[in-house]
Amino acid sequence: MTTAPSGQAHAVDCGSACSYRCSKSSRPNLCNRACNTCCRRCDCVPPGTAGNEEVCPCYANMTTHNGRHKCP
């Protein structure tokens, strides 16, 4: 378990969760980088390799500066 900047421990193993989430991505390095950023901020990664974002609203609602979805 890793420690969040707020001092709280992460309940999710972001590395493992994002590795699985991005396992079928055509751009796995980019996917993993974005996923890990989202996971650290939201402490959540939706199940599966795509979709299921309703499980994690923070993850689903995070956007880039251009207004596109940030999290894979």
PDB file of N, CA and C in Angstrom:
ATOM      1  N   MET A   1       0.840  -1.182   0.000  1.00  0.00           N
ATOM      2  CA  MET A   1       0.000   0.000   0.000  1.00  0.00           C
ATOM      3  C   MET A   1       0.882   1.241   0.000  1.00  0.00           C
ATOM      4  N   THR A   2       0.519   2.225  -0.797  1.00  0.00           N
ATOM      5  CA  THR A   2       1.286   3.465  -0.858  1.00  0.00           C
ATOM      6  C   THR A   2       0.558   4.562  -0.107  1.00  0.00           C
ATOM      7  N   THR A   3       1.276   5.610   0.223  1.00  0.00           N
ATOM      8  CA  THR A   3       0.674   6.702   0.971  1.00  0.00           C
ATOM      9  C   THR A   3       0.321   7.847   0.032  1.00  0.00           C
ATOM     10  N   ALA A   4      -0.886   8.330   0.144  1.00  0.00           N
ATOM     11  CA  ALA A   4      -1.360   9.457  -0.658  1.00  0.00           C
ATOM     12  C   ALA A   4      -0.759  10.741  -0.099  1.00  0.00           C
ATOM     13  N   PRO A   5      -0.725  11.813  -0.913  1.00  0.00           N
ATOM     14  CA  PRO A   5      -0.182  13.088  -0.429  1.00  0.00           C
ATOM     15  C   PRO A   5      -0.869  13.592   0.830  1.00  0.00           C
ATOM     16  N   SER A   6      -2.129  13.249   1.028  1.00  0.00           N
ATOM     17  CA  SER A   6      -2.860  13.698   2.208  1.00  0.00           C
ATOM     18  C   SER A   6      -2.475  12.908   3.450  1.00  0.00           C
ATOM     19  N   GLY A   7      -1.619  11.872   3.273  1.00  0.00           N
ATOM     20  CA  GLY A   7      -1.204  11.070   4.406  1.00  0.00           C
ATOM     21  C   GLY A   7      -2.022   9.803   4.566  1.00  0.00           C
ATOM     22  N   GLN A   8      -3.077   9.654   3.780  1.00  0.00           N
ATOM     23  CA  GLN A   8      -3.900   8.460   3.856  1.00  0.00           C
ATOM     24  C   GLN A   8      -3.332   7.394   2.935  1.00  0.00           C
ATOM     25  N   ALA A   9      -3.519   6.131   3.294  1.00  0.00           N
ATOM     26  CA  ALA A   9      -3.048   5.032   2.465  1.00  0.00           C
ATOM     27  C   ALA A   9      -4.015   4.802   1.314  1.00  0.00           C
ATOM     28  N   HIS A  10      -3.468   4.455   0.141  1.00  0.00           N
ATOM     29  CA  HIS A  10      -4.304   4.124  -1.010  1.00  0.00           C
ATOM     30  C   HIS A  10      -4.924   2.751  -0.793  1.00  0.00           C
ATOM     31  N   ALA A  11      -6.221   2.636  -1.025  1.00  0.00           N
ATOM     32  CA  ALA A  11      -6.908   1.359  -0.905  1.00  0.00           C
ATOM     33  C   ALA A  11      -6.707   0.524  -2.163  1.00  0.00           C
ATOM     34  N   VAL A  12      -6.334   1.175  -3.270  1.00  0.00           N
ATOM     35  CA  VAL A  12      -6.188   0.504  -4.555  1.00  0.00           C
ATOM     36  C   VAL A  12      -4.712   0.404  -4.917  1.00  0.00           C
ATOM     37  N   ASP A  13      -4.283  -0.749  -5.412  1.00  0.00           N
ATOM     38  CA  ASP A  13      -2.936  -0.901  -5.950  1.00  0.00           C
ATOM     39  C   ASP A  13      -2.979  -0.370  -7.377  1.00  0.00           C
ATOM     40  N   CYS A  14      -2.659   0.905  -7.544  1.00  0.00           N
ATOM     41  CA  CYS A  14      -2.791   1.571  -8.840  1.00  0.00           C
ATOM     42  C   CYS A  14      -1.984   0.876  -9.931  1.00  0.00           C
ATOM     43  N   GLY A  15      -0.786   0.442  -9.619  1.00  0.00           N
ATOM     44  CA  GLY A  15       0.056  -0.203 -10.620  1.00  0.00           C
ATOM     45  C   GLY A  15      -0.595  -1.438 -11.209  1.00  0.00           C
ATOM     46  N   SER A  16      -1.084  -2.316 -10.354  1.00  0.00           N
ATOM     47  CA  SER A  16      -1.723  -3.551 -10.826  1.00  0.00           C
ATOM     48  C   SER A  16      -3.043  -3.270 -11.518  1.00  0.00           C
ATOM     49  N   ALA A  17      -3.844  -2.390 -10.923  1.00  0.00           N
ATOM     50  CA  ALA A  17      -5.154  -2.079 -11.497  1.00  0.00           C
ATOM     51  C   ALA A  17      -5.003  -1.448 -12.877  1.00  0.00           C
ATOM     52  N   CYS A  18      -4.043  -0.544 -13.022  1.00  0.00           N
ATOM     53  CA  CYS A  18      -3.847   0.125 -14.311  1.00  0.00           C
ATOM     54  C   CYS A  18      -3.193  -0.796 -15.335  1.00  0.00           C
ATOM     55  N   SER A  19      -2.324  -1.683 -14.889  1.00  0.00           N
ATOM     56  CA  SER A  19      -1.731  -2.647 -15.824  1.00  0.00           C
ATOM     57  C   SER A  19      -2.820  -3.486 -16.463  1.00  0.00           C
ATOM     58  N   TYR A  20      -3.777  -3.927 -15.652  1.00  0.00           N
ATOM     59  CA  TYR A  20      -4.879  -4.708 -16.204  1.00  0.00           C
ATOM     60  C   TYR A  20      -5.795  -3.833 -17.058  1.00  0.00           C
ATOM     61  N   ARG A  21      -6.128  -2.655 -16.560  1.00  0.00           N
ATOM     62  CA  ARG A  21      -7.020  -1.741 -17.285  1.00  0.00           C
ATOM     63  C   ARG A  21      -6.462  -1.427 -18.680  1.00  0.00           C
ATOM     64  N   CYS A  22      -5.167  -1.296 -18.787  1.00  0.00           N
ATOM     65  CA  CYS A  22      -4.530  -0.899 -20.052  1.00  0.00           C
ATOM     66  C   CYS A  22      -3.984  -2.079 -20.856  1.00  0.00           C
ATOM     67  N   SER A  23      -4.248  -3.300 -20.415  1.00  0.00           N
ATOM     68  CA  SER A  23      -3.654  -4.476 -21.056  1.00  0.00           C
ATOM     69  C   SER A  23      -4.050  -4.654 -22.515  1.00  0.00           C
ATOM     70  N   LYS A  24      -5.182  -4.131 -22.926  1.00  0.00           N
ATOM     71  CA  LYS A  24      -5.618  -4.274 -24.319  1.00  0.00           C
ATOM     72  C   LYS A  24      -5.525  -2.967 -25.097  1.00  0.00           C
ATOM     73  N   SER A  25      -4.905  -1.964 -24.499  1.00  0.00           N
ATOM     74  CA  SER A  25      -4.778  -0.658 -25.150  1.00  0.00           C
ATOM     75  C   SER A  25      -3.786  -0.723 -26.310  1.00  0.00           C
ATOM     76  N   SER A  26      -4.049   0.055 -27.348  1.00  0.00           N
ATOM     77  CA  SER A  26      -3.108   0.131 -28.469  1.00  0.00           C
ATOM     78  C   SER A  26      -1.894   0.983 -28.101  1.00  0.00           C
ATOM     79  N   ARG A  27      -2.029   1.782 -27.049  1.00  0.00           N
ATOM     80  CA  ARG A  27      -0.924   2.624 -26.567  1.00  0.00           C
ATOM     81  C   ARG A  27      -0.773   2.413 -25.062  1.00  0.00           C
ATOM     82  N   PRO A  28      -0.232   1.246 -24.659  1.00  0.00           N
ATOM     83  CA  PRO A  28      -0.205   0.894 -23.234  1.00  0.00           C
ATOM     84  C   PRO A  28       0.588   1.846 -22.349  1.00  0.00           C
ATOM     85  N   ASN A  29       1.694   2.416 -22.834  1.00  0.00           N
ATOM     86  CA  ASN A  29       2.471   3.336 -21.990  1.00  0.00           C
ATOM     87  C   ASN A  29       1.692   4.605 -21.688  1.00  0.00           C
ATOM     88  N   LEU A  30       1.064   5.173 -22.697  1.00  0.00           N
ATOM     89  CA  LEU A  30       0.240   6.367 -22.512  1.00  0.00           C
ATOM     90  C   LEU A  30      -0.945   6.052 -21.606  1.00  0.00           C
ATOM     91  N   CYS A  31      -1.579   4.922 -21.843  1.00  0.00           N
ATOM     92  CA  CYS A  31      -2.724   4.498 -21.034  1.00  0.00           C
ATOM     93  C   CYS A  31      -2.327   4.346 -19.570  1.00  0.00           C
ATOM     94  N   ASN A  32      -1.209   3.665 -19.314  1.00  0.00           N
ATOM     95  CA  ASN A  32      -0.761   3.456 -17.936  1.00  0.00           C
ATOM     96  C   ASN A  32      -0.430   4.765 -17.241  1.00  0.00           C
ATOM     97  N   ARG A  33       0.201   5.688 -17.941  1.00  0.00           N
ATOM     98  CA  ARG A  33       0.548   6.981 -17.334  1.00  0.00           C
ATOM     99  C   ARG A  33      -0.713   7.741 -16.924  1.00  0.00           C
ATOM    100  N   ALA A  34      -1.689   7.807 -17.826  1.00  0.00           N
ATOM    101  CA  ALA A  34      -2.939   8.511 -17.523  1.00  0.00           C
ATOM    102  C   ALA A  34      -3.712   7.788 -16.424  1.00  0.00           C
ATOM    103  N   CYS A  35      -3.787   6.474 -16.527  1.00  0.00           N
ATOM    104  CA  CYS A  35      -4.528   5.688 -15.537  1.00  0.00           C
ATOM    105  C   CYS A  35      -3.941   5.861 -14.137  1.00  0.00           C
ATOM    106  N   ASN A  36      -2.619   5.806 -14.028  1.00  0.00           N
ATOM    107  CA  ASN A  36      -1.990   5.952 -12.715  1.00  0.00           C
ATOM    108  C   ASN A  36      -2.223   7.334 -12.124  1.00  0.00           C
ATOM    109  N   THR A  37      -2.209   8.372 -12.951  1.00  0.00           N
ATOM    110  CA  THR A  37      -2.512   9.723 -12.471  1.00  0.00           C
ATOM    111  C   THR A  37      -3.936   9.769 -11.928  1.00  0.00           C
ATOM    112  N   CYS A  38      -4.866   9.220 -12.686  1.00  0.00           N
ATOM    113  CA  CYS A  38      -6.272   9.214 -12.271  1.00  0.00           C
ATOM    114  C   CYS A  38      -6.465   8.382 -11.008  1.00  0.00           C
ATOM    115  N   CYS A  39      -5.808   7.243 -10.947  1.00  0.00           N
ATOM    116  CA  CYS A  39      -5.932   6.365  -9.782  1.00  0.00           C
ATOM    117  C   CYS A  39      -5.418   7.050  -8.521  1.00  0.00           C
ATOM    118  N   ARG A  40      -4.282   7.719  -8.624  1.00  0.00           N
ATOM    119  CA  ARG A  40      -3.734   8.406  -7.447  1.00  0.00           C
ATOM    120  C   ARG A  40      -4.653   9.521  -6.967  1.00  0.00           C
ATOM    121  N   ARG A  41      -5.284  10.225  -7.898  1.00  0.00           N
ATOM    122  CA  ARG A  41      -6.188  11.320  -7.518  1.00  0.00           C
ATOM    123  C   ARG A  41      -7.520  10.807  -6.990  1.00  0.00           C
ATOM    124  N   CYS A  42      -8.027   9.733  -7.578  1.00  0.00           N
ATOM    125  CA  CYS A  42      -9.377   9.253  -7.253  1.00  0.00           C
ATOM    126  C   CYS A  42      -9.388   8.051  -6.312  1.00  0.00           C
ATOM    127  N   ASP A  43      -8.245   7.375  -6.174  1.00  0.00           N
ATOM    128  CA  ASP A  43      -8.145   6.152  -5.382  1.00  0.00           C
ATOM    129  C   ASP A  43      -9.146   5.111  -5.886  1.00  0.00           C
ATOM    130  N   CYS A  44      -9.272   5.040  -7.213  1.00  0.00           N
ATOM    131  CA  CYS A  44     -10.245   4.141  -7.820  1.00  0.00           C
ATOM    132  C   CYS A  44      -9.869   3.905  -9.279  1.00  0.00           C
ATOM    133  N   VAL A  45     -10.034   2.675  -9.748  1.00  0.00           N
ATOM    134  CA  VAL A  45      -9.908   2.333 -11.167  1.00  0.00           C
ATOM    135  C   VAL A  45     -11.095   1.438 -11.487  1.00  0.00           C
ATOM    136  N   PRO A  46     -11.883   1.787 -12.513  1.00  0.00           N
ATOM    137  CA  PRO A  46     -13.029   0.949 -12.866  1.00  0.00           C
ATOM    138  C   PRO A  46     -12.583  -0.465 -13.250  1.00  0.00           C
ATOM    139  N   PRO A  47     -13.412  -1.463 -12.985  1.00  0.00           N
ATOM    140  CA  PRO A  47     -13.055  -2.842 -13.336  1.00  0.00           C
ATOM    141  C   PRO A  47     -13.058  -3.058 -14.848  1.00  0.00           C
ATOM    142  N   GLY A  48     -12.313  -4.039 -15.294  1.00  0.00           N
ATOM    143  CA  GLY A  48     -12.290  -4.389 -16.710  1.00  0.00           C
ATOM    144  C   GLY A  48     -11.273  -3.573 -17.484  1.00  0.00           C
ATOM    145  N   THR A  49     -11.221  -3.832 -18.792  1.00  0.00           N
ATOM    146  CA  THR A  49     -10.244  -3.156 -19.645  1.00  0.00           C
ATOM    147  C   THR A  49     -10.815  -1.904 -20.297  1.00  0.00           C
ATOM    148  N   ALA A  50     -12.121  -1.694 -20.188  1.00  0.00           N
ATOM    149  CA  ALA A  50     -12.770  -0.496 -20.736  1.00  0.00           C
ATOM    150  C   ALA A  50     -14.154  -0.362 -20.118  1.00  0.00           C
ATOM    151  N   GLY A  51     -14.710   0.849 -20.190  1.00  0.00           N
ATOM    152  CA  GLY A  51     -16.065   1.076 -19.692  1.00  0.00           C
ATOM    153  C   GLY A  51     -16.153   0.972 -18.185  1.00  0.00           C
ATOM    154  N   ASN A  52     -17.329   0.690 -17.676  1.00  0.00           N
ATOM    155  CA  ASN A  52     -17.614   0.536 -16.239  1.00  0.00           C
ATOM    156  C   ASN A  52     -17.273   1.778 -15.421  1.00  0.00           C
ATOM    157  N   GLU A  53     -17.213   2.948 -16.072  1.00  0.00           N
ATOM    158  CA  GLU A  53     -16.787   4.159 -15.371  1.00  0.00           C
ATOM    159  C   GLU A  53     -17.790   4.643 -14.335  1.00  0.00           C
ATOM    160  N   GLU A  54     -19.034   4.167 -14.394  1.00  0.00           N
ATOM    161  CA  GLU A  54     -20.031   4.562 -13.395  1.00  0.00           C
ATOM    162  C   GLU A  54     -19.641   4.092 -11.995  1.00  0.00           C
ATOM    163  N   VAL A  55     -18.758   3.106 -11.915  1.00  0.00           N
ATOM    164  CA  VAL A  55     -18.286   2.586 -10.630  1.00  0.00           C
ATOM    165  C   VAL A  55     -17.398   3.611  -9.925  1.00  0.00           C
ATOM    166  N   CYS A  56     -16.773   4.483 -10.698  1.00  0.00           N
ATOM    167  CA  CYS A  56     -15.809   5.439 -10.160  1.00  0.00           C
ATOM    168  C   CYS A  56     -16.048   6.819 -10.780  1.00  0.00           C
ATOM    169  N   PRO A  57     -17.012   7.592 -10.258  1.00  0.00           N
ATOM    170  CA  PRO A  57     -17.364   8.887 -10.851  1.00  0.00           C
ATOM    171  C   PRO A  57     -16.190   9.866 -10.952  1.00  0.00           C
ATOM    172  N   CYS A  58     -15.324   9.911  -9.969  1.00  0.00           N
ATOM    173  CA  CYS A  58     -14.164  10.813 -10.014  1.00  0.00           C
ATOM    174  C   CYS A  58     -13.321  10.493 -11.241  1.00  0.00           C
ATOM    175  N   TYR A  59     -13.053   9.233 -11.449  1.00  0.00           N
ATOM    176  CA  TYR A  59     -12.260   8.757 -12.589  1.00  0.00           C
ATOM    177  C   TYR A  59     -12.958   9.119 -13.896  1.00  0.00           C
ATOM    178  N   ALA A  60     -14.265   8.913 -13.946  1.00  0.00           N
ATOM    179  CA  ALA A  60     -15.047   9.157 -15.165  1.00  0.00           C
ATOM    180  C   ALA A  60     -15.139  10.639 -15.511  1.00  0.00           C
ATOM    181  N   ASN A  61     -15.130  11.512 -14.509  1.00  0.00           N
ATOM    182  CA  ASN A  61     -15.348  12.942 -14.740  1.00  0.00           C
ATOM    183  C   ASN A  61     -14.075  13.766 -14.893  1.00  0.00           C
ATOM    184  N   MET A  62     -12.916  13.153 -14.728  1.00  0.00           N
ATOM    185  CA  MET A  62     -11.666  13.893 -14.861  1.00  0.00           C
ATOM    186  C   MET A  62     -11.400  14.185 -16.342  1.00  0.00           C
ATOM    187  N   THR A  63     -11.037  15.437 -16.646  1.00  0.00           N
ATOM    188  CA  THR A  63     -10.812  15.827 -18.040  1.00  0.00           C
ATOM    189  C   THR A  63      -9.442  16.481 -18.221  1.00  0.00           C
ATOM    190  N   THR A  64      -9.008  16.537 -19.481  1.00  0.00           N
ATOM    191  CA  THR A  64      -7.766  17.218 -19.838  1.00  0.00           C
ATOM    192  C   THR A  64      -8.049  18.711 -19.966  1.00  0.00           C
ATOM    193  N   HIS A  65      -7.020  19.487 -20.253  1.00  0.00           N
ATOM    194  CA  HIS A  65      -7.201  20.929 -20.457  1.00  0.00           C
ATOM    195  C   HIS A  65      -8.121  21.215 -21.643  1.00  0.00           C
ATOM    196  N   ASN A  66      -8.182  20.285 -22.590  1.00  0.00           N
ATOM    197  CA  ASN A  66      -9.029  20.454 -23.777  1.00  0.00           C
ATOM    198  C   ASN A  66     -10.447  19.937 -23.576  1.00  0.00           C
ATOM    199  N   GLY A  67     -10.769  19.476 -22.372  1.00  0.00           N
ATOM    200  CA  GLY A  67     -12.112  19.003 -22.084  1.00  0.00           C
ATOM    201  C   GLY A  67     -12.381  17.559 -22.473  1.00  0.00           C
ATOM    202  N   ARG A  68     -11.336  16.827 -22.881  1.00  0.00           N
ATOM    203  CA  ARG A  68     -11.508  15.415 -23.229  1.00  0.00           C
ATOM    204  C   ARG A  68     -11.334  14.566 -21.976  1.00  0.00           C
ATOM    205  N   HIS A  69     -11.882  13.341 -22.002  1.00  0.00           N
ATOM    206  CA  HIS A  69     -11.720  12.439 -20.862  1.00  0.00           C
ATOM    207  C   HIS A  69     -10.244  12.116 -20.671  1.00  0.00           C
ATOM    208  N   LYS A  70      -9.773  12.267 -19.447  1.00  0.00           N
ATOM    209  CA  LYS A  70      -8.365  12.020 -19.153  1.00  0.00           C
ATOM    210  C   LYS A  70      -8.096  10.547 -18.895  1.00  0.00           C
ATOM    211  N   CYS A  71      -9.009   9.906 -18.218  1.00  0.00           N
ATOM    212  CA  CYS A  71      -8.760   8.558 -17.719  1.00  0.00           C
ATOM    213  C   CYS A  71      -9.232   7.477 -18.691  1.00  0.00           C
ATOM    214  N   PRO A  72      -8.365   6.495 -18.944  1.00  0.00           N
ATOM    215  CA  PRO A  72      -8.727   5.415 -19.877  1.00  0.00           C
ATOM    216  C   PRO A  72      -9.721   4.429 -19.287  1.00  0.00           C
TER     217      PRO A  72
END
